């Protein structure tokens, strides 16, 4: 620190006197600025500034020379350290299917975490679409934020179209609908539709373009065919010969109807 040189003043009305040495004290603040004590007539900083308060943005040594009302000068310096900001990055699966969830990770090593959901942990479990932001604080007290968007893909496949009951010997087509990336039936078929003619449970797993999968099934019932039988009495009474040319029919024709006996 420079020490002021004694100043000799002469006045015909007063004896010569020596001013005491002036010790200039500088106070340095490290919060947002570097400041020397107010009350000096001038300030000259090493970065060229000539004001009492400067706000350095870069690390380094800052020197100031001040002059008081008596013309005395003093110099002091302060070293500023600029601490690094944290650099959070949110990792994790940000696009997944409905019914699933994902852990978002803000990264390790920070003093504190604060998500926009109110959570204060490094990991955040999410199951709904939306924007998620985390603010972290490092060991120097510096803060920074990161954000990410989460998309939950909805998948509403539920029904297989087609008959649920068939007759023996017939077949039906089962169809889960179009627009899916892939199909896999429980009989090994990978086509959109299958033709079935037997009873059982027919299941299909479809995959959407977003990679979501859904499985549903349809139960097929095979009903037996009916077994019709012609019932009734088949006979010929001779006394009704007048209905026939020779009393006996020339031919006998069988019809697929129920024949009722002649009542008399």
C-alpha atoms as a PDB file:
ATOM      1  CA  UNK A   1       0.000   0.000   0.000  1.00  0.00           C
ATOM      2  CA  UNK A   2       1.317   3.420  -0.877  1.00  0.00           C
ATOM      3  CA  UNK A   3       1.748   5.846   1.962  1.00  0.00           C
ATOM      4  CA  UNK A   4       1.008   9.514   1.440  1.00  0.00           C
ATOM      5  CA  UNK A   5       4.014  11.832   1.477  1.00  0.00           C
ATOM      6  CA  UNK A   6       3.897  14.629   4.081  1.00  0.00           C
ATOM      7  CA  UNK A   7       2.689  17.871   2.550  1.00  0.00           C
ATOM      8  CA  UNK A   8       4.447  21.144   3.512  1.00  0.00           C
ATOM      9  CA  UNK A   9       2.183  24.168   3.431  1.00  0.00           C
ATOM     10  CA  UNK A  10       3.240  27.820   3.984  1.00  0.00           C
ATOM     11  CA  UNK A  11       1.008  30.607   5.093  1.00  0.00           C
ATOM     12  CA  UNK A  12       2.108  34.019   6.259  1.00  0.00           C
ATOM     13  CA  UNK A  13      -0.638  33.952   8.862  1.00  0.00           C
ATOM     14  CA  UNK A  14       0.156  30.594  10.349  1.00  0.00           C
ATOM     15  CA  UNK A  15       3.299  28.633  11.209  1.00  0.00           C
ATOM     16  CA  UNK A  16       4.502  25.790   9.028  1.00  0.00           C
ATOM     17  CA  UNK A  17       2.923  22.474   9.994  1.00  0.00           C
ATOM     18  CA  UNK A  18       3.240  18.905   8.819  1.00  0.00           C
ATOM     19  CA  UNK A  19       0.120  16.973   8.008  1.00  0.00           C
ATOM     20  CA  UNK A  20       0.110  13.472   9.477  1.00  0.00           C
ATOM     21  CA  UNK A  21       0.512  10.521   7.185  1.00  0.00           C
ATOM     22  CA  UNK A  22      -2.779   9.433   5.665  1.00  0.00           C
ATOM     23  CA  UNK A  23      -3.383   5.721   5.619  1.00  0.00           C
ATOM     24  CA  UNK A  24      -5.924   4.823   2.974  1.00  0.00           C
ATOM     25  CA  UNK A  25      -8.043   1.831   3.768  1.00  0.00           C
ATOM     26  CA  UNK A  26      -9.976   0.108   1.045  1.00  0.00           C
ATOM     27  CA  UNK A  27     -12.824  -2.247   1.644  1.00  0.00           C
ATOM     28  CA  UNK A  28     -13.583  -4.870  -0.944  1.00  0.00           C
ATOM     29  CA  UNK A  29     -16.888  -6.593  -1.330  1.00  0.00           C
ATOM     30  CA  UNK A  30     -17.098  -9.930  -3.109  1.00  0.00           C
ATOM     31  CA  UNK A  31     -20.794 -10.360  -3.592  1.00  0.00           C
ATOM     32  CA  UNK A  32     -21.638  -8.726  -6.910  1.00  0.00           C
ATOM     33  CA  UNK A  33     -19.042  -6.013  -7.138  1.00  0.00           C
ATOM     34  CA  UNK A  34     -15.761  -4.665  -5.938  1.00  0.00           C
ATOM     35  CA  UNK A  35     -16.111  -1.389  -4.067  1.00  0.00           C
ATOM     36  CA  UNK A  36     -13.729   0.960  -2.395  1.00  0.00           C
ATOM     37  CA  UNK A  37     -14.876   3.140   0.469  1.00  0.00           C
ATOM     38  CA  UNK A  38     -16.921   6.119  -0.561  1.00  0.00           C
ATOM     39  CA  UNK A  39     -15.717   9.632   0.133  1.00  0.00           C
ATOM     40  CA  UNK A  40     -12.688   9.772  -2.136  1.00  0.00           C
ATOM     41  CA  UNK A  41     -12.422  12.527  -4.687  1.00  0.00           C
ATOM     42  CA  UNK A  42     -11.389  10.159  -7.475  1.00  0.00           C
ATOM     43  CA  UNK A  43     -11.066   6.474  -8.275  1.00  0.00           C
ATOM     44  CA  UNK A  44      -9.007   4.881 -10.979  1.00  0.00           C
ATOM     45  CA  UNK A  45      -9.336   1.162 -11.660  1.00  0.00           C
ATOM     46  CA  UNK A  46      -6.910  -1.007 -13.572  1.00  0.00           C
ATOM     47  CA  UNK A  47      -9.607  -1.784 -16.136  1.00  0.00           C
ATOM     48  CA  UNK A  48      -9.962   1.921 -16.919  1.00  0.00           C
ATOM     49  CA  UNK A  49     -13.089   2.590 -14.883  1.00  0.00           C
ATOM     50  CA  UNK A  50     -13.169   5.784 -12.817  1.00  0.00           C
ATOM     51  CA  UNK A  51     -16.192   5.102 -10.633  1.00  0.00           C
ATOM     52  CA  UNK A  52     -16.433   3.846  -7.079  1.00  0.00           C
ATOM     53  CA  UNK A  53     -18.084   0.528  -7.913  1.00  0.00           C
ATOM     54  CA  UNK A  54     -17.279  -1.865 -10.719  1.00  0.00           C
ATOM     55  CA  UNK A  55     -18.917  -5.174 -11.612  1.00  0.00           C
ATOM     56  CA  UNK A  56     -16.236  -7.473 -12.991  1.00  0.00           C
ATOM     57  CA  UNK A  57     -17.484 -10.362 -15.085  1.00  0.00           C
ATOM     58  CA  UNK A  58     -14.175 -12.145 -15.526  1.00  0.00           C
ATOM     59  CA  UNK A  59     -11.672 -13.543 -13.086  1.00  0.00           C
ATOM     60  CA  UNK A  60      -8.509 -11.631 -12.352  1.00  0.00           C
ATOM     61  CA  UNK A  61      -6.867  -9.042 -10.131  1.00  0.00           C
ATOM     62  CA  UNK A  62      -8.457  -5.600 -10.071  1.00  0.00           C
ATOM     63  CA  UNK A  63      -6.435  -2.656  -8.766  1.00  0.00           C
ATOM     64  CA  UNK A  64      -7.819   0.716  -7.733  1.00  0.00           C
ATOM     65  CA  UNK A  65      -6.020   3.944  -6.931  1.00  0.00           C
ATOM     66  CA  UNK A  66      -7.986   6.489  -4.919  1.00  0.00           C
ATOM     67  CA  UNK A  67      -7.294  10.129  -4.146  1.00  0.00           C
ATOM     68  CA  UNK A  68      -8.753  11.883  -1.135  1.00  0.00           C
ATOM     69  CA  UNK A  69      -9.675  15.515  -0.680  1.00  0.00           C
ATOM     70  CA  UNK A  70      -6.158  16.293   0.492  1.00  0.00           C
ATOM     71  CA  UNK A  71      -4.607  14.926  -2.670  1.00  0.00           C
ATOM     72  CA  UNK A  72      -3.281  11.855  -0.962  1.00  0.00           C
ATOM     73  CA  UNK A  73      -3.396   8.649  -2.970  1.00  0.00           C
ATOM     74  CA  UNK A  74      -3.558   5.009  -2.080  1.00  0.00           C
ATOM     75  CA  UNK A  75      -3.681   1.793  -4.072  1.00  0.00           C
ATOM     76  CA  UNK A  76      -5.067  -1.629  -3.305  1.00  0.00           C
ATOM     77  CA  UNK A  77      -6.099  -4.714  -5.253  1.00  0.00           C
ATOM     78  CA  UNK A  78      -8.655  -7.481  -5.098  1.00  0.00           C
ATOM     79  CA  UNK A  79      -8.591 -10.859  -6.813  1.00  0.00           C
ATOM     80  CA  UNK A  80     -11.874 -11.997  -8.254  1.00  0.00           C
ATOM     81  CA  UNK A  81     -12.616 -15.673  -8.817  1.00  0.00           C
ATOM     82  CA  UNK A  82     -15.463 -16.493 -11.182  1.00  0.00           C
ATOM     83  CA  UNK A  83     -16.907 -19.827 -10.152  1.00  0.00           C
ATOM     84  CA  UNK A  84     -18.276 -22.102 -12.878  1.00  0.00           C
ATOM     85  CA  UNK A  85     -21.991 -22.567 -13.345  1.00  0.00           C
ATOM     86  CA  UNK A  86     -23.423 -26.071 -13.048  1.00  0.00           C
ATOM     87  CA  UNK A  87     -24.322 -27.713 -16.344  1.00  0.00           C
ATOM     88  CA  UNK A  88     -27.294 -29.978 -15.656  1.00  0.00           C
ATOM     89  CA  UNK A  89     -28.569 -32.235 -18.418  1.00  0.00           C
ATOM     90  CA  UNK A  90     -31.725 -34.295 -18.010  1.00  0.00           C
ATOM     91  CA  UNK A  91     -31.370 -37.859 -19.252  1.00  0.00           C
ATOM     92  CA  UNK A  92     -33.885 -40.672 -19.450  1.00  0.00           C
ATOM     93  CA  UNK A  93     -36.590 -41.997 -21.748  1.00  0.00           C
ATOM     94  CA  UNK A  94     -38.783 -39.086 -22.820  1.00  0.00           C
ATOM     95  CA  UNK A  95     -41.176 -40.912 -25.155  1.00  0.00           C
ATOM     96  CA  UNK A  96     -42.925 -44.042 -23.962  1.00  0.00           C
ATOM     97  CA  UNK A  97     -46.231 -45.857 -24.150  1.00  0.00           C
ATOM     98  CA  UNK A  98     -49.312 -45.295 -22.058  1.00  0.00           C
ATOM     99  CA  UNK A  99     -49.220 -47.276 -18.836  1.00  0.00           C
ATOM    100  CA  UNK A 100     -45.437 -47.088 -18.536  1.00  0.00           C
ATOM    101  CA  UNK A 101     -43.208 -44.569 -16.741  1.00  0.00           C
ATOM    102  CA  UNK A 102     -39.685 -43.191 -16.894  1.00  0.00           C
ATOM    103  CA  UNK A 103     -37.013 -41.893 -14.514  1.00  0.00           C
ATOM    104  CA  UNK A 104     -35.613 -38.481 -15.460  1.00  0.00           C
ATOM    105  CA  UNK A 105     -32.073 -37.955 -14.155  1.00  0.00           C
ATOM    106  CA  UNK A 106     -30.603 -34.482 -13.551  1.00  0.00           C
ATOM    107  CA  UNK A 107     -27.099 -35.868 -13.045  1.00  0.00           C
ATOM    108  CA  UNK A 108     -25.038 -36.487  -9.901  1.00  0.00           C
ATOM    109  CA  UNK A 109     -22.781 -34.224  -7.887  1.00  0.00           C
ATOM    110  CA  UNK A 110     -24.922 -31.169  -7.197  1.00  0.00           C
ATOM    111  CA  UNK A 111     -25.660 -29.736  -3.781  1.00  0.00           C
ATOM    112  CA  UNK A 112     -29.385 -29.478  -4.341  1.00  0.00           C
ATOM    113  CA  UNK A 113     -32.095 -30.225  -6.896  1.00  0.00           C
ATOM    114  CA  UNK A 114     -35.498 -28.633  -7.415  1.00  0.00           C
ATOM    115  CA  UNK A 115     -37.929 -29.877 -10.075  1.00  0.00           C
ATOM    116  CA  UNK A 116     -40.913 -27.880 -11.257  1.00  0.00           C
ATOM    117  CA  UNK A 117     -43.080 -30.596  -9.705  1.00  0.00           C
ATOM    118  CA  UNK A 118     -41.683 -29.715  -6.281  1.00  0.00           C
ATOM    119  CA  UNK A 119     -39.479 -32.820  -6.042  1.00  0.00           C
ATOM    120  CA  UNK A 120     -36.001 -32.286  -4.605  1.00  0.00           C
ATOM    121  CA  UNK A 121     -34.238 -35.500  -5.628  1.00  0.00           C
ATOM    122  CA  UNK A 122     -31.804 -36.231  -8.435  1.00  0.00           C
ATOM    123  CA  UNK A 123     -34.291 -38.614 -10.091  1.00  0.00           C
ATOM    124  CA  UNK A 124     -37.869 -37.814 -11.035  1.00  0.00           C
ATOM    125  CA  UNK A 125     -40.335 -40.555 -11.981  1.00  0.00           C
ATOM    126  CA  UNK A 126     -42.854 -39.401 -14.594  1.00  0.00           C
ATOM    127  CA  UNK A 127     -45.841 -41.073 -16.233  1.00  0.00           C
ATOM    128  CA  UNK A 128     -47.620 -38.154 -17.924  1.00  0.00           C
ATOM    129  CA  UNK A 129     -46.824 -35.906 -20.857  1.00  0.00           C
ATOM    130  CA  UNK A 130     -45.470 -32.418 -20.158  1.00  0.00           C
ATOM    131  CA  UNK A 131     -42.407 -30.204 -19.734  1.00  0.00           C
ATOM    132  CA  UNK A 132     -40.144 -30.968 -16.797  1.00  0.00           C
ATOM    133  CA  UNK A 133     -37.557 -28.478 -15.462  1.00  0.00           C
ATOM    134  CA  UNK A 134     -34.889 -28.950 -12.823  1.00  0.00           C
ATOM    135  CA  UNK A 135     -32.765 -26.278 -11.127  1.00  0.00           C
ATOM    136  CA  UNK A 136     -29.514 -27.457  -9.559  1.00  0.00           C
ATOM    137  CA  UNK A 137     -27.076 -25.727  -7.213  1.00  0.00           C
ATOM    138  CA  UNK A 138     -23.376 -26.576  -7.154  1.00  0.00           C
ATOM    139  CA  UNK A 139     -20.886 -26.339  -4.320  1.00  0.00           C
ATOM    140  CA  UNK A 140     -20.142 -22.667  -5.070  1.00  0.00           C
ATOM    141  CA  UNK A 141     -23.793 -21.713  -4.685  1.00  0.00           C
ATOM    142  CA  UNK A 142     -24.217 -21.157  -8.416  1.00  0.00           C
ATOM    143  CA  UNK A 143     -27.462 -22.316 -10.019  1.00  0.00           C
ATOM    144  CA  UNK A 144     -28.551 -23.379 -13.489  1.00  0.00           C
ATOM    145  CA  UNK A 145     -31.595 -25.066 -14.999  1.00  0.00           C
ATOM    146  CA  UNK A 146     -32.366 -27.687 -17.627  1.00  0.00           C
ATOM    147  CA  UNK A 147     -35.647 -28.868 -19.068  1.00  0.00           C
ATOM    148  CA  UNK A 148     -37.049 -31.633 -21.234  1.00  0.00           C
ATOM    149  CA  UNK A 149     -40.400 -32.573 -22.765  1.00  0.00           C
ATOM    150  CA  UNK A 150     -42.021 -35.942 -22.088  1.00  0.00           C
ATOM    151  CA  UNK A 151     -44.491 -37.512 -24.516  1.00  0.00           C
ATOM    152  CA  UNK A 152     -46.735 -40.403 -23.474  1.00  0.00           C
ATOM    153  CA  UNK A 153     -48.032 -42.226 -26.538  1.00  0.00           C
ATOM    154  CA  UNK A 154     -51.683 -43.208 -26.209  1.00  0.00           C
ATOM    155  CA  UNK A 155     -52.688 -46.635 -27.522  1.00  0.00           C
ATOM    156  CA  UNK A 156     -56.383 -47.478 -27.666  1.00  0.00           C
ATOM    157  CA  UNK A 157     -56.427 -50.860 -29.442  1.00  0.00           C
ATOM    158  CA  UNK A 158     -58.997 -53.064 -27.724  1.00  0.00           C
ATOM    159  CA  UNK A 159     -61.242 -54.961 -30.195  1.00  0.00           C
ATOM    160  CA  UNK A 160     -60.896 -57.667 -32.852  1.00  0.00           C
ATOM    161  CA  UNK A 161     -63.562 -57.331 -35.512  1.00  0.00           C
ATOM    162  CA  UNK A 162     -65.189 -60.456 -36.890  1.00  0.00           C
ATOM    163  CA  UNK A 163     -67.621 -63.221 -35.965  1.00  0.00           C
ATOM    164  CA  UNK A 164     -67.500 -64.854 -32.576  1.00  0.00           C
ATOM    165  CA  UNK A 165     -69.514 -67.910 -33.543  1.00  0.00           C
ATOM    166  CA  UNK A 166     -69.490 -70.099 -36.653  1.00  0.00           C
ATOM    167  CA  UNK A 167     -71.180 -73.247 -37.861  1.00  0.00           C
ATOM    168  CA  UNK A 168     -69.202 -76.408 -38.488  1.00  0.00           C
ATOM    169  CA  UNK A 169     -67.698 -76.274 -41.932  1.00  0.00           C
ATOM    170  CA  UNK A 170     -67.749 -72.479 -42.229  1.00  0.00           C
ATOM    171  CA  UNK A 171     -65.000 -69.931 -41.582  1.00  0.00           C
ATOM    172  CA  UNK A 172     -64.715 -66.287 -40.577  1.00  0.00           C
ATOM    173  CA  UNK A 173     -62.201 -63.457 -40.826  1.00  0.00           C
ATOM    174  CA  UNK A 174     -60.752 -61.774 -37.738  1.00  0.00           C
ATOM    175  CA  UNK A 175     -59.403 -58.250 -38.211  1.00  0.00           C
ATOM    176  CA  UNK A 176     -57.838 -55.967 -35.530  1.00  0.00           C
ATOM    177  CA  UNK A 177     -57.895 -52.973 -37.868  1.00  0.00           C
ATOM    178  CA  UNK A 178     -55.388 -51.204 -40.072  1.00  0.00           C
ATOM    179  CA  UNK A 179     -52.707 -48.621 -39.350  1.00  0.00           C
ATOM    180  CA  UNK A 180     -50.399 -50.593 -37.065  1.00  0.00           C
ATOM    181  CA  UNK A 181     -46.731 -51.221 -37.709  1.00  0.00           C
ATOM    182  CA  UNK A 182     -46.929 -54.976 -37.141  1.00  0.00           C
ATOM    183  CA  UNK A 183     -49.253 -57.834 -36.205  1.00  0.00           C
ATOM    184  CA  UNK A 184     -48.565 -61.148 -34.485  1.00  0.00           C
ATOM    185  CA  UNK A 185     -51.326 -63.715 -33.955  1.00  0.00           C
ATOM    186  CA  UNK A 186     -51.080 -66.581 -31.509  1.00  0.00           C
ATOM    187  CA  UNK A 187     -51.126 -69.011 -34.439  1.00  0.00           C
ATOM    188  CA  UNK A 188     -47.919 -67.424 -35.748  1.00  0.00           C
ATOM    189  CA  UNK A 189     -49.521 -65.365 -38.495  1.00  0.00           C
ATOM    190  CA  UNK A 190     -48.107 -61.871 -39.033  1.00  0.00           C
ATOM    191  CA  UNK A 191     -50.829 -60.570 -41.332  1.00  0.00           C
ATOM    192  CA  UNK A 192     -53.502 -58.057 -40.443  1.00  0.00           C
ATOM    193  CA  UNK A 193     -56.320 -60.591 -40.840  1.00  0.00           C
ATOM    194  CA  UNK A 194     -56.643 -64.321 -40.317  1.00  0.00           C
ATOM    195  CA  UNK A 195     -59.273 -66.805 -41.478  1.00  0.00           C
ATOM    196  CA  UNK A 196     -60.445 -69.193 -38.757  1.00  0.00           C
ATOM    197  CA  UNK A 197     -62.726 -72.217 -38.846  1.00  0.00           C
ATOM    198  CA  UNK A 198     -62.069 -73.816 -35.481  1.00  0.00           C
ATOM    199  CA  UNK A 199     -63.091 -72.982 -31.953  1.00  0.00           C
ATOM    200  CA  UNK A 200     -60.660 -71.431 -29.521  1.00  0.00           C
ATOM    201  CA  UNK A 201     -59.106 -68.233 -28.263  1.00  0.00           C
ATOM    202  CA  UNK A 202     -57.550 -66.108 -30.992  1.00  0.00           C
ATOM    203  CA  UNK A 203     -55.155 -63.426 -29.753  1.00  0.00           C
ATOM    204  CA  UNK A 204     -53.211 -60.786 -31.643  1.00  0.00           C
ATOM    205  CA  UNK A 205     -50.440 -58.426 -30.541  1.00  0.00           C
ATOM    206  CA  UNK A 206     -50.211 -55.221 -32.529  1.00  0.00           C
ATOM    207  CA  UNK A 207     -47.375 -52.684 -32.474  1.00  0.00           C
ATOM    208  CA  UNK A 208     -47.999 -49.010 -33.155  1.00  0.00           C
ATOM    209  CA  UNK A 209     -45.708 -46.746 -35.139  1.00  0.00           C
ATOM    210  CA  UNK A 210     -44.469 -45.328 -31.816  1.00  0.00           C
ATOM    211  CA  UNK A 211     -43.359 -48.798 -30.727  1.00  0.00           C
ATOM    212  CA  UNK A 212     -46.205 -49.391 -28.282  1.00  0.00           C
ATOM    213  CA  UNK A 213     -47.677 -52.884 -28.139  1.00  0.00           C
ATOM    214  CA  UNK A 214     -51.102 -54.092 -27.109  1.00  0.00           C
ATOM    215  CA  UNK A 215     -52.610 -57.571 -27.037  1.00  0.00           C
ATOM    216  CA  UNK A 216     -56.267 -58.521 -27.187  1.00  0.00           C
ATOM    217  CA  UNK A 217     -58.163 -61.698 -27.966  1.00  0.00           C
ATOM    218  CA  UNK A 218     -61.441 -63.046 -29.267  1.00  0.00           C
ATOM    219  CA  UNK A 219     -63.060 -66.367 -28.440  1.00  0.00           C
ATOM    220  CA  UNK A 220     -64.509 -68.305 -31.359  1.00  0.00           C
ATOM    221  CA  UNK A 221     -67.353 -70.769 -30.823  1.00  0.00           C
ATOM    222  CA  UNK A 222     -68.149 -73.430 -33.438  1.00  0.00           C
ATOM    223  CA  UNK A 223     -71.784 -74.428 -33.340  1.00  0.00           C
ATOM    224  CA  UNK A 224     -72.925 -77.862 -34.583  1.00  0.00           C
ATOM    225  CA  UNK A 225     -75.043 -78.165 -37.695  1.00  0.00           C
ATOM    226  CA  UNK A 226     -78.716 -78.988 -37.250  1.00  0.00           C
ATOM    227  CA  UNK A 227     -79.783 -82.608 -37.964  1.00  0.00           C
ATOM    228  CA  UNK A 228     -83.267 -82.430 -39.457  1.00  0.00           C
ATOM    229  CA  UNK A 229     -85.371 -85.637 -39.625  1.00  0.00           C
ATOM    230  CA  UNK A 230     -88.647 -86.164 -41.496  1.00  0.00           C
ATOM    231  CA  UNK A 231     -91.239 -87.558 -39.145  1.00  0.00           C
ATOM    232  CA  UNK A 232     -94.774 -88.807 -39.763  1.00  0.00           C
ATOM    233  CA  UNK A 233     -96.658 -91.876 -41.117  1.00  0.00           C
ATOM    234  CA  UNK A 234     -96.115 -92.962 -44.712  1.00  0.00           C
ATOM    235  CA  UNK A 235     -98.931 -95.240 -45.874  1.00  0.00           C
ATOM    236  CA  UNK A 236    -101.391 -95.780 -48.652  1.00  0.00           C
ATOM    237  CA  UNK A 237    -105.029 -96.646 -48.118  1.00  0.00           C
ATOM    238  CA  UNK A 238    -106.614 -98.618 -50.921  1.00  0.00           C
ATOM    239  CA  UNK A 239    -109.904 -96.942 -50.491  1.00  0.00           C
ATOM    240  CA  UNK A 240    -108.365 -93.711 -51.764  1.00  0.00           C
ATOM    241  CA  UNK A 241    -107.661 -95.395 -55.102  1.00  0.00           C
ATOM    242  CA  UNK A 242    -109.731 -92.777 -56.876  1.00  0.00           C
ATOM    243  CA  UNK A 243    -106.834 -90.369 -56.317  1.00  0.00           C
ATOM    244  CA  UNK A 244    -104.562 -92.533 -58.414  1.00  0.00           C
ATOM    245  CA  UNK A 245    -104.950 -93.977 -61.846  1.00  0.00           C
ATOM    246  CA  UNK A 246    -104.560 -97.622 -60.955  1.00  0.00           C
ATOM    247  CA  UNK A 247    -105.034 -97.404 -57.248  1.00  0.00           C
ATOM    248  CA  UNK A 248    -101.250 -97.269 -56.739  1.00  0.00           C
ATOM    249  CA  UNK A 249     -99.046 -94.227 -57.284  1.00  0.00           C
ATOM    250  CA  UNK A 250     -96.816 -94.460 -60.340  1.00  0.00           C
ATOM    251  CA  UNK A 251     -93.908 -92.945 -58.442  1.00  0.00           C
ATOM    252  CA  UNK A 252     -93.035 -92.118 -54.865  1.00  0.00           C
ATOM    253  CA  UNK A 253     -91.531 -88.678 -54.256  1.00  0.00           C
ATOM    254  CA  UNK A 254     -89.757 -87.769 -51.042  1.00  0.00           C
ATOM    255  CA  UNK A 255     -89.928 -84.154 -49.879  1.00  0.00           C
ATOM    256  CA  UNK A 256     -87.925 -82.457 -47.206  1.00  0.00           C
ATOM    257  CA  UNK A 257     -90.995 -81.638 -45.185  1.00  0.00           C
ATOM    258  CA  UNK A 258     -92.891 -83.189 -42.348  1.00  0.00           C
ATOM    259  CA  UNK A 259     -95.647 -85.507 -43.675  1.00  0.00           C
ATOM    260  CA  UNK A 260     -98.756 -85.668 -41.541  1.00  0.00           C
ATOM    261  CA  UNK A 261    -100.914 -88.827 -41.602  1.00  0.00           C
ATOM    262  CA  UNK A 262    -104.279 -88.662 -43.326  1.00  0.00           C
ATOM    263  CA  UNK A 263    -106.984 -88.444 -40.799  1.00  0.00           C
ATOM    264  CA  UNK A 264    -110.387 -89.990 -41.499  1.00  0.00           C
END
